[in-house]
Amino acid sequence: MADSSFDIVSKVDKMEADNALNQAIKEVEQRYDFKGVGASIAWSGEKILMKASSEERVKAVLDVFQSKLVKRGISLKSFVDGDPFPSGKEYRIEGELKNGIDQEQAKKISKIIREEGPKSVKSQIQGDELRVQSKSRDDLQAVMSLLRGSDLDIDIQFTNFR
């Protein structure tokens, strides 16, 4: 019997992120407490740029966007935001959506699988994802539940279960 396998990936659905951003734009434009403070949020290349006249208002814009991400099913572990910084007369925050698993995180996940998972399970790093293999599908499902329960710094999904 051939080995069963699945891939561990960390991807953000670009359309869902775009929908969350559009909802945040609407709320920022319509909310009374954002009137007259120059509050805005928009894509800036691959990053998301939030602007407002004060540090508190730009943090409020960030909070609105994060709540919209959660409502659209995107984990906040996938969104990295910086600290507010002054730029001219306004404050700005740049945020970025993380895609892919970097080498350091991949090694950490592999170590968790090796140390705490069933012994028949093998994992290998393939670019920005991990492939996990075993003869037993039950062992693979045990690894999935182990990783769901562990405290990782990134949002992971499981794909290509065969």
N, C-alpha and C. Protein backbone atom coordinates (compact mmCIF):
# COMPACT_ATOMS: atom_id res chain seq x y z
N MET A 1 0.84 -1.19 0.00
CA MET A 1 0.00 0.00 0.00
C MET A 1 0.88 1.25 0.00
N ALA A 2 0.52 2.25 -0.80
CA ALA A 2 1.30 3.47 -0.91
C ALA A 2 1.11 4.33 0.33
N ASP A 3 2.08 5.20 0.57
CA ASP A 3 1.99 6.11 1.71
C ASP A 3 0.87 7.12 1.50
N SER A 4 0.20 7.47 2.58
CA SER A 4 -0.77 8.57 2.56
C SER A 4 -0.02 9.84 2.93
N SER A 5 -0.52 10.98 2.48
CA SER A 5 0.18 12.22 2.79
C SER A 5 -0.78 13.40 2.80
N PHE A 6 -0.30 14.50 3.36
CA PHE A 6 -0.99 15.78 3.25
C PHE A 6 0.05 16.89 3.32
N ASP A 7 -0.34 18.08 2.88
CA ASP A 7 0.56 19.23 2.90
C ASP A 7 0.10 20.22 3.97
N ILE A 8 1.06 20.84 4.62
CA ILE A 8 0.79 21.91 5.57
C ILE A 8 1.17 23.21 4.88
N VAL A 9 0.22 24.11 4.72
CA VAL A 9 0.47 25.38 4.04
C VAL A 9 -0.02 26.54 4.90
N SER A 10 0.42 27.72 4.57
CA SER A 10 -0.06 28.94 5.22
C SER A 10 -0.37 29.94 4.12
N LYS A 11 -1.64 29.99 3.73
CA LYS A 11 -2.05 30.86 2.63
C LYS A 11 -3.24 31.70 3.07
N VAL A 12 -3.28 32.91 2.55
CA VAL A 12 -4.40 33.81 2.80
C VAL A 12 -5.14 33.98 1.48
N ASP A 13 -6.46 33.80 1.52
CA ASP A 13 -7.27 33.99 0.33
C ASP A 13 -7.31 35.49 0.00
N LYS A 14 -6.69 35.85 -1.11
CA LYS A 14 -6.55 37.26 -1.51
C LYS A 14 -7.92 37.94 -1.67
N MET A 15 -8.89 37.20 -2.21
CA MET A 15 -10.23 37.79 -2.40
C MET A 15 -10.91 38.08 -1.06
N GLU A 16 -10.76 37.18 -0.10
CA GLU A 16 -11.36 37.41 1.22
C GLU A 16 -10.70 38.61 1.90
N ALA A 17 -9.37 38.71 1.75
CA ALA A 17 -8.66 39.86 2.33
C ALA A 17 -9.12 41.16 1.67
N ASP A 18 -9.33 41.11 0.36
CA ASP A 18 -9.80 42.28 -0.37
C ASP A 18 -11.22 42.66 0.09
N ASN A 19 -12.07 41.65 0.29
CA ASN A 19 -13.42 41.92 0.79
C ASN A 19 -13.38 42.55 2.18
N ALA A 20 -12.49 42.04 3.06
CA ALA A 20 -12.35 42.60 4.41
C ALA A 20 -11.89 44.05 4.33
N LEU A 21 -10.95 44.33 3.42
CA LEU A 21 -10.46 45.69 3.26
C LEU A 21 -11.58 46.62 2.77
N ASN A 22 -12.37 46.16 1.80
CA ASN A 22 -13.47 46.97 1.28
C ASN A 22 -14.51 47.26 2.36
N GLN A 23 -14.80 46.24 3.19
CA GLN A 23 -15.74 46.47 4.30
C GLN A 23 -15.19 47.48 5.30
N ALA A 24 -13.88 47.38 5.56
CA ALA A 24 -13.25 48.33 6.49
C ALA A 24 -13.28 49.74 5.91
N ILE A 25 -13.05 49.88 4.60
CA ILE A 25 -13.10 51.19 3.95
C ILE A 25 -14.48 51.81 4.13
N LYS A 26 -15.54 51.01 3.89
CA LYS A 26 -16.91 51.51 4.05
C LYS A 26 -17.17 51.97 5.47
N GLU A 27 -16.74 51.16 6.46
CA GLU A 27 -17.00 51.51 7.84
C GLU A 27 -16.23 52.78 8.24
N VAL A 28 -14.98 52.89 7.81
CA VAL A 28 -14.18 54.08 8.13
C VAL A 28 -14.80 55.33 7.51
N GLU A 29 -15.33 55.21 6.29
CA GLU A 29 -15.95 56.37 5.63
C GLU A 29 -17.26 56.78 6.31
N GLN A 30 -17.98 55.81 6.89
CA GLN A 30 -19.31 56.11 7.41
C GLN A 30 -19.35 56.39 8.91
N ARG A 31 -18.37 55.94 9.67
CA ARG A 31 -18.43 56.11 11.12
C ARG A 31 -18.22 57.57 11.53
N TYR A 32 -19.01 57.98 12.49
CA TYR A 32 -18.99 59.38 12.94
C TYR A 32 -17.64 59.75 13.56
N ASP A 33 -17.05 58.83 14.35
CA ASP A 33 -15.80 59.18 15.04
C ASP A 33 -14.60 59.28 14.10
N PHE A 34 -14.77 58.89 12.82
CA PHE A 34 -13.69 59.04 11.84
C PHE A 34 -13.86 60.27 10.95
N LYS A 35 -14.94 61.03 11.15
CA LYS A 35 -15.19 62.22 10.33
C LYS A 35 -14.17 63.31 10.69
N GLY A 36 -13.54 63.90 9.68
CA GLY A 36 -12.65 65.03 9.90
C GLY A 36 -11.28 64.69 10.45
N VAL A 37 -10.92 63.41 10.54
CA VAL A 37 -9.59 63.06 11.05
C VAL A 37 -8.70 62.48 9.95
N GLY A 38 -9.18 62.52 8.71
CA GLY A 38 -8.38 62.04 7.59
C GLY A 38 -8.10 60.55 7.64
N ALA A 39 -9.03 59.80 8.23
CA ALA A 39 -8.82 58.35 8.37
C ALA A 39 -9.06 57.66 7.04
N SER A 40 -8.11 56.77 6.67
CA SER A 40 -8.28 55.99 5.45
C SER A 40 -7.49 54.69 5.56
N ILE A 41 -7.88 53.74 4.71
CA ILE A 41 -7.19 52.46 4.64
C ILE A 41 -7.24 52.02 3.18
N ALA A 42 -6.11 51.51 2.67
CA ALA A 42 -6.05 51.11 1.27
C ALA A 42 -4.86 50.21 1.02
N TRP A 43 -4.91 49.50 -0.12
CA TRP A 43 -3.77 48.71 -0.55
C TRP A 43 -2.67 49.67 -0.97
N SER A 44 -1.44 49.34 -0.67
CA SER A 44 -0.27 50.09 -1.14
C SER A 44 0.72 49.05 -1.65
N GLY A 45 0.52 48.63 -2.89
CA GLY A 45 1.31 47.52 -3.42
C GLY A 45 0.82 46.23 -2.78
N GLU A 46 1.71 45.51 -2.12
CA GLU A 46 1.33 44.29 -1.41
C GLU A 46 0.99 44.56 0.05
N LYS A 47 1.23 45.78 0.50
CA LYS A 47 0.97 46.13 1.89
C LYS A 47 -0.35 46.86 2.02
N ILE A 48 -0.83 46.97 3.26
CA ILE A 48 -2.05 47.70 3.55
C ILE A 48 -1.65 48.92 4.37
N LEU A 49 -2.05 50.09 3.89
CA LEU A 49 -1.64 51.35 4.52
C LEU A 49 -2.84 52.00 5.19
N MET A 50 -2.70 52.29 6.49
CA MET A 50 -3.74 52.97 7.25
C MET A 50 -3.23 54.34 7.66
N LYS A 51 -4.08 55.36 7.51
CA LYS A 51 -3.68 56.74 7.83
C LYS A 51 -4.76 57.40 8.68
N ALA A 52 -4.33 58.31 9.55
CA ALA A 52 -5.25 59.15 10.32
C ALA A 52 -4.45 60.30 10.91
N SER A 53 -5.16 61.31 11.44
CA SER A 53 -4.48 62.50 11.95
C SER A 53 -3.85 62.29 13.32
N SER A 54 -4.30 61.28 14.07
CA SER A 54 -3.71 61.04 15.39
C SER A 54 -3.40 59.54 15.55
N GLU A 55 -2.53 59.26 16.51
CA GLU A 55 -2.13 57.88 16.75
C GLU A 55 -3.31 57.02 17.20
N GLU A 56 -4.19 57.58 18.04
CA GLU A 56 -5.35 56.82 18.52
C GLU A 56 -6.30 56.47 17.37
N ARG A 57 -6.52 57.42 16.46
CA ARG A 57 -7.44 57.18 15.33
C ARG A 57 -6.89 56.14 14.38
N VAL A 58 -5.58 56.15 14.12
CA VAL A 58 -5.00 55.16 13.20
C VAL A 58 -5.06 53.77 13.84
N LYS A 59 -4.92 53.70 15.17
CA LYS A 59 -5.07 52.41 15.86
C LYS A 59 -6.51 51.93 15.78
N ALA A 60 -7.46 52.86 15.80
CA ALA A 60 -8.88 52.50 15.67
C ALA A 60 -9.16 51.96 14.27
N VAL A 61 -8.52 52.55 13.24
CA VAL A 61 -8.67 52.05 11.87
C VAL A 61 -8.12 50.62 11.79
N LEU A 62 -6.97 50.39 12.42
CA LEU A 62 -6.37 49.05 12.46
C LEU A 62 -7.33 48.06 13.13
N ASP A 63 -7.95 48.48 14.22
CA ASP A 63 -8.89 47.62 14.94
C ASP A 63 -10.10 47.27 14.06
N VAL A 64 -10.60 48.24 13.32
CA VAL A 64 -11.72 47.99 12.40
C VAL A 64 -11.32 46.94 11.36
N PHE A 65 -10.13 47.12 10.77
CA PHE A 65 -9.67 46.18 9.74
C PHE A 65 -9.47 44.78 10.31
N GLN A 66 -8.89 44.68 11.51
CA GLN A 66 -8.69 43.36 12.11
C GLN A 66 -10.02 42.67 12.40
N SER A 67 -11.02 43.42 12.83
CA SER A 67 -12.32 42.81 13.09
C SER A 67 -12.94 42.30 11.78
N LYS A 68 -12.74 43.03 10.69
CA LYS A 68 -13.27 42.59 9.39
C LYS A 68 -12.53 41.33 8.90
N LEU A 69 -11.22 41.25 9.16
CA LEU A 69 -10.47 40.03 8.80
C LEU A 69 -11.04 38.82 9.53
N VAL A 70 -11.28 38.97 10.82
CA VAL A 70 -11.81 37.86 11.62
C VAL A 70 -13.18 37.43 11.11
N LYS A 71 -14.04 38.41 10.77
CA LYS A 71 -15.37 38.08 10.26
C LYS A 71 -15.30 37.34 8.93
N ARG A 72 -14.26 37.60 8.13
CA ARG A 72 -14.10 36.94 6.82
C ARG A 72 -13.36 35.61 6.96
N GLY A 73 -13.02 35.21 8.17
CA GLY A 73 -12.39 33.90 8.38
C GLY A 73 -10.88 33.90 8.19
N ILE A 74 -10.24 35.06 8.25
CA ILE A 74 -8.79 35.14 8.12
C ILE A 74 -8.19 35.32 9.51
N SER A 75 -7.26 34.44 9.87
CA SER A 75 -6.65 34.50 11.19
C SER A 75 -5.76 35.74 11.31
N LEU A 76 -5.75 36.33 12.51
CA LEU A 76 -4.89 37.49 12.73
C LEU A 76 -3.42 37.11 12.78
N LYS A 77 -3.12 35.80 12.87
CA LYS A 77 -1.73 35.35 12.79
C LYS A 77 -1.16 35.58 11.39
N SER A 78 -2.04 35.70 10.40
CA SER A 78 -1.61 35.93 9.02
C SER A 78 -1.37 37.40 8.71
N PHE A 79 -1.76 38.28 9.63
CA PHE A 79 -1.63 39.72 9.40
C PHE A 79 -0.57 40.29 10.33
N VAL A 80 0.45 40.91 9.76
CA VAL A 80 1.52 41.52 10.55
C VAL A 80 1.41 43.03 10.38
N ASP A 81 1.24 43.74 11.51
CA ASP A 81 1.15 45.20 11.43
C ASP A 81 2.31 45.82 12.19
N GLY A 82 2.72 46.98 11.73
CA GLY A 82 3.81 47.69 12.39
C GLY A 82 3.27 48.66 13.43
N ASP A 83 4.18 49.41 14.01
CA ASP A 83 3.79 50.43 14.98
C ASP A 83 3.40 51.70 14.24
N PRO A 84 2.53 52.52 14.85
CA PRO A 84 2.17 53.79 14.22
C PRO A 84 3.42 54.69 14.13
N PHE A 85 3.59 55.32 12.97
CA PHE A 85 4.71 56.25 12.83
C PHE A 85 4.20 57.54 12.19
N PRO A 86 4.76 58.69 12.65
CA PRO A 86 4.32 59.96 12.09
C PRO A 86 4.90 60.16 10.68
N SER A 87 4.06 60.72 9.81
CA SER A 87 4.50 61.03 8.45
C SER A 87 3.86 62.36 8.08
N GLY A 88 4.62 63.41 8.19
CA GLY A 88 4.06 64.73 7.96
C GLY A 88 3.09 65.08 9.07
N LYS A 89 1.84 65.42 8.70
CA LYS A 89 0.83 65.79 9.70
C LYS A 89 -0.02 64.60 10.12
N GLU A 90 0.26 63.40 9.59
CA GLU A 90 -0.59 62.25 9.91
C GLU A 90 0.23 61.10 10.47
N TYR A 91 -0.49 60.15 11.04
CA TYR A 91 0.14 58.93 11.52
C TYR A 91 -0.23 57.80 10.58
N ARG A 92 0.70 56.86 10.39
CA ARG A 92 0.47 55.74 9.48
C ARG A 92 0.83 54.42 10.14
N ILE A 93 0.15 53.36 9.70
CA ILE A 93 0.51 51.99 10.07
C ILE A 93 0.53 51.20 8.77
N GLU A 94 1.61 50.45 8.58
CA GLU A 94 1.68 49.55 7.43
C GLU A 94 1.48 48.12 7.93
N GLY A 95 0.63 47.38 7.23
CA GLY A 95 0.39 45.99 7.57
C GLY A 95 0.61 45.11 6.36
N GLU A 96 0.85 43.83 6.62
CA GLU A 96 1.13 42.91 5.53
C GLU A 96 0.51 41.55 5.83
N LEU A 97 -0.02 40.91 4.80
CA LEU A 97 -0.57 39.56 4.93
C LEU A 97 0.53 38.56 4.60
N LYS A 98 0.78 37.62 5.52
CA LYS A 98 1.85 36.63 5.34
C LYS A 98 1.32 35.42 4.57
N ASN A 99 2.06 35.02 3.55
CA ASN A 99 1.77 33.80 2.81
C ASN A 99 2.99 32.91 2.85
N GLY A 100 2.77 31.61 3.01
CA GLY A 100 3.88 30.68 3.00
C GLY A 100 4.47 30.48 4.39
N ILE A 101 5.17 29.38 4.54
CA ILE A 101 5.82 29.04 5.80
C ILE A 101 7.32 29.25 5.59
N ASP A 102 7.93 30.13 6.39
CA ASP A 102 9.37 30.34 6.22
C ASP A 102 10.15 29.16 6.83
N GLN A 103 11.45 29.09 6.52
CA GLN A 103 12.29 27.95 6.92
C GLN A 103 12.27 27.72 8.42
N GLU A 104 12.37 28.80 9.19
CA GLU A 104 12.42 28.68 10.64
C GLU A 104 11.14 28.04 11.19
N GLN A 105 9.99 28.52 10.71
CA GLN A 105 8.71 27.96 11.14
C GLN A 105 8.56 26.51 10.69
N ALA A 106 9.01 26.21 9.46
CA ALA A 106 8.91 24.85 8.94
C ALA A 106 9.73 23.89 9.80
N LYS A 107 10.92 24.32 10.21
CA LYS A 107 11.76 23.48 11.07
C LYS A 107 11.10 23.27 12.43
N LYS A 108 10.46 24.31 12.95
CA LYS A 108 9.76 24.21 14.25
C LYS A 108 8.60 23.20 14.15
N ILE A 109 7.83 23.27 13.06
CA ILE A 109 6.71 22.34 12.87
C ILE A 109 7.23 20.92 12.71
N SER A 110 8.30 20.73 11.93
CA SER A 110 8.90 19.41 11.74
C SER A 110 9.36 18.82 13.07
N LYS A 111 9.94 19.68 13.91
CA LYS A 111 10.43 19.22 15.21
C LYS A 111 9.26 18.75 16.09
N ILE A 112 8.16 19.51 16.06
CA ILE A 112 6.97 19.12 16.84
C ILE A 112 6.47 17.75 16.37
N ILE A 113 6.41 17.57 15.04
CA ILE A 113 5.93 16.29 14.48
C ILE A 113 6.87 15.16 14.88
N ARG A 114 8.18 15.40 14.80
CA ARG A 114 9.17 14.37 15.11
C ARG A 114 9.13 13.97 16.58
N GLU A 115 9.01 14.96 17.46
CA GLU A 115 9.09 14.68 18.89
C GLU A 115 7.78 14.19 19.50
N GLU A 116 6.66 14.76 19.07
CA GLU A 116 5.39 14.46 19.73
C GLU A 116 4.45 13.61 18.90
N GLY A 117 4.70 13.51 17.60
CA GLY A 117 3.80 12.76 16.72
C GLY A 117 4.12 11.28 16.71
N PRO A 118 3.28 10.48 16.04
CA PRO A 118 3.54 9.05 15.90
C PRO A 118 4.87 8.81 15.18
N LYS A 119 5.54 7.70 15.53
CA LYS A 119 6.88 7.43 15.00
C LYS A 119 6.88 7.11 13.50
N SER A 120 5.76 6.65 12.95
CA SER A 120 5.73 6.26 11.54
C SER A 120 5.60 7.46 10.60
N VAL A 121 5.46 8.66 11.16
CA VAL A 121 5.21 9.85 10.35
C VAL A 121 6.53 10.52 9.96
N LYS A 122 6.65 10.87 8.68
CA LYS A 122 7.82 11.59 8.17
C LYS A 122 7.35 12.93 7.61
N SER A 123 8.16 13.96 7.82
CA SER A 123 7.83 15.27 7.26
C SER A 123 9.03 15.80 6.50
N GLN A 124 8.75 16.52 5.41
CA GLN A 124 9.83 17.14 4.66
C GLN A 124 9.39 18.52 4.19
N ILE A 125 10.36 19.43 4.18
CA ILE A 125 10.10 20.82 3.79
C ILE A 125 10.22 20.93 2.28
N GLN A 126 9.18 21.50 1.65
CA GLN A 126 9.18 21.69 0.20
C GLN A 126 8.86 23.15 -0.10
N GLY A 127 9.89 23.95 -0.19
CA GLY A 127 9.69 25.38 -0.46
C GLY A 127 9.02 26.07 0.72
N ASP A 128 7.82 26.60 0.50
CA ASP A 128 7.12 27.30 1.57
C ASP A 128 5.97 26.47 2.15
N GLU A 129 6.07 25.14 2.01
CA GLU A 129 5.08 24.24 2.62
C GLU A 129 5.78 22.97 3.12
N LEU A 130 5.04 22.17 3.88
CA LEU A 130 5.56 20.92 4.42
C LEU A 130 4.73 19.75 3.92
N ARG A 131 5.37 18.67 3.56
CA ARG A 131 4.66 17.44 3.19
C ARG A 131 4.85 16.45 4.32
N VAL A 132 3.75 15.89 4.80
CA VAL A 132 3.77 14.91 5.88
C VAL A 132 3.28 13.58 5.32
N GLN A 133 4.05 12.49 5.55
CA GLN A 133 3.72 11.18 4.98
C GLN A 133 3.71 10.12 6.07
N SER A 134 2.85 9.11 5.86
CA SER A 134 2.79 7.95 6.74
C SER A 134 2.01 6.85 6.04
N LYS A 135 2.21 5.60 6.46
CA LYS A 135 1.42 4.51 5.90
C LYS A 135 0.00 4.53 6.48
N SER A 136 -0.14 5.05 7.69
CA SER A 136 -1.43 5.04 8.38
C SER A 136 -2.11 6.41 8.30
N ARG A 137 -3.35 6.44 7.81
CA ARG A 137 -4.11 7.69 7.77
C ARG A 137 -4.46 8.16 9.18
N ASP A 138 -4.64 7.22 10.10
CA ASP A 138 -4.93 7.60 11.48
C ASP A 138 -3.78 8.39 12.09
N ASP A 139 -2.54 7.98 11.77
CA ASP A 139 -1.37 8.71 12.26
C ASP A 139 -1.35 10.14 11.70
N LEU A 140 -1.73 10.27 10.42
CA LEU A 140 -1.76 11.61 9.82
C LEU A 140 -2.81 12.50 10.50
N GLN A 141 -3.95 11.91 10.80
CA GLN A 141 -4.99 12.69 11.48
C GLN A 141 -4.56 13.06 12.91
N ALA A 142 -3.77 12.18 13.53
CA ALA A 142 -3.23 12.49 14.86
C ALA A 142 -2.27 13.67 14.77
N VAL A 143 -1.47 13.73 13.70
CA VAL A 143 -0.56 14.86 13.51
C VAL A 143 -1.35 16.14 13.29
N MET A 144 -2.44 16.07 12.51
CA MET A 144 -3.27 17.26 12.28
C MET A 144 -3.81 17.81 13.60
N SER A 145 -4.34 16.93 14.43
CA SER A 145 -4.91 17.41 15.69
C SER A 145 -3.81 17.91 16.63
N LEU A 146 -2.62 17.29 16.57
CA LEU A 146 -1.48 17.75 17.36
C LEU A 146 -1.11 19.18 16.97
N LEU A 147 -1.04 19.45 15.66
CA LEU A 147 -0.66 20.78 15.18
C LEU A 147 -1.74 21.82 15.44
N ARG A 148 -3.01 21.41 15.36
CA ARG A 148 -4.10 22.35 15.68
C ARG A 148 -4.02 22.78 17.13
N GLY A 149 -3.61 21.84 18.00
CA GLY A 149 -3.54 22.13 19.43
C GLY A 149 -2.27 22.84 19.85
N SER A 150 -1.23 22.83 19.01
CA SER A 150 0.03 23.46 19.41
C SER A 150 -0.03 24.96 19.12
N ASP A 151 0.77 25.71 19.86
CA ASP A 151 0.77 27.17 19.75
C ASP A 151 1.81 27.60 18.72
N LEU A 152 1.37 27.80 17.48
CA LEU A 152 2.27 28.23 16.41
C LEU A 152 2.09 29.72 16.15
N ASP A 153 3.13 30.35 15.60
CA ASP A 153 3.08 31.78 15.32
C ASP A 153 2.40 32.10 14.00
N ILE A 154 2.04 31.06 13.23
CA ILE A 154 1.42 31.27 11.93
C ILE A 154 0.12 30.50 11.85
N ASP A 155 -0.72 30.90 10.91
CA ASP A 155 -1.98 30.22 10.64
C ASP A 155 -1.69 29.12 9.61
N ILE A 156 -2.06 27.88 9.92
CA ILE A 156 -1.78 26.79 8.97
C ILE A 156 -3.08 26.15 8.50
N GLN A 157 -3.02 25.62 7.27
CA GLN A 157 -4.12 24.86 6.69
C GLN A 157 -3.54 23.52 6.21
N PHE A 158 -4.41 22.53 6.10
CA PHE A 158 -4.01 21.22 5.61
C PHE A 158 -4.65 20.97 4.27
N THR A 159 -3.83 20.64 3.26
CA THR A 159 -4.33 20.42 1.92
C THR A 159 -3.81 19.09 1.35
N ASN A 160 -4.37 18.68 0.22
CA ASN A 160 -3.93 17.48 -0.52
C ASN A 160 -3.89 16.22 0.34
N PHE A 161 -4.93 16.01 1.15
CA PHE A 161 -4.96 14.79 1.97
C PHE A 161 -5.30 13.62 1.07
N ARG A 162 -4.34 12.69 0.91
CA ARG A 162 -4.58 11.50 0.10
C ARG A 162 -4.04 10.27 0.75
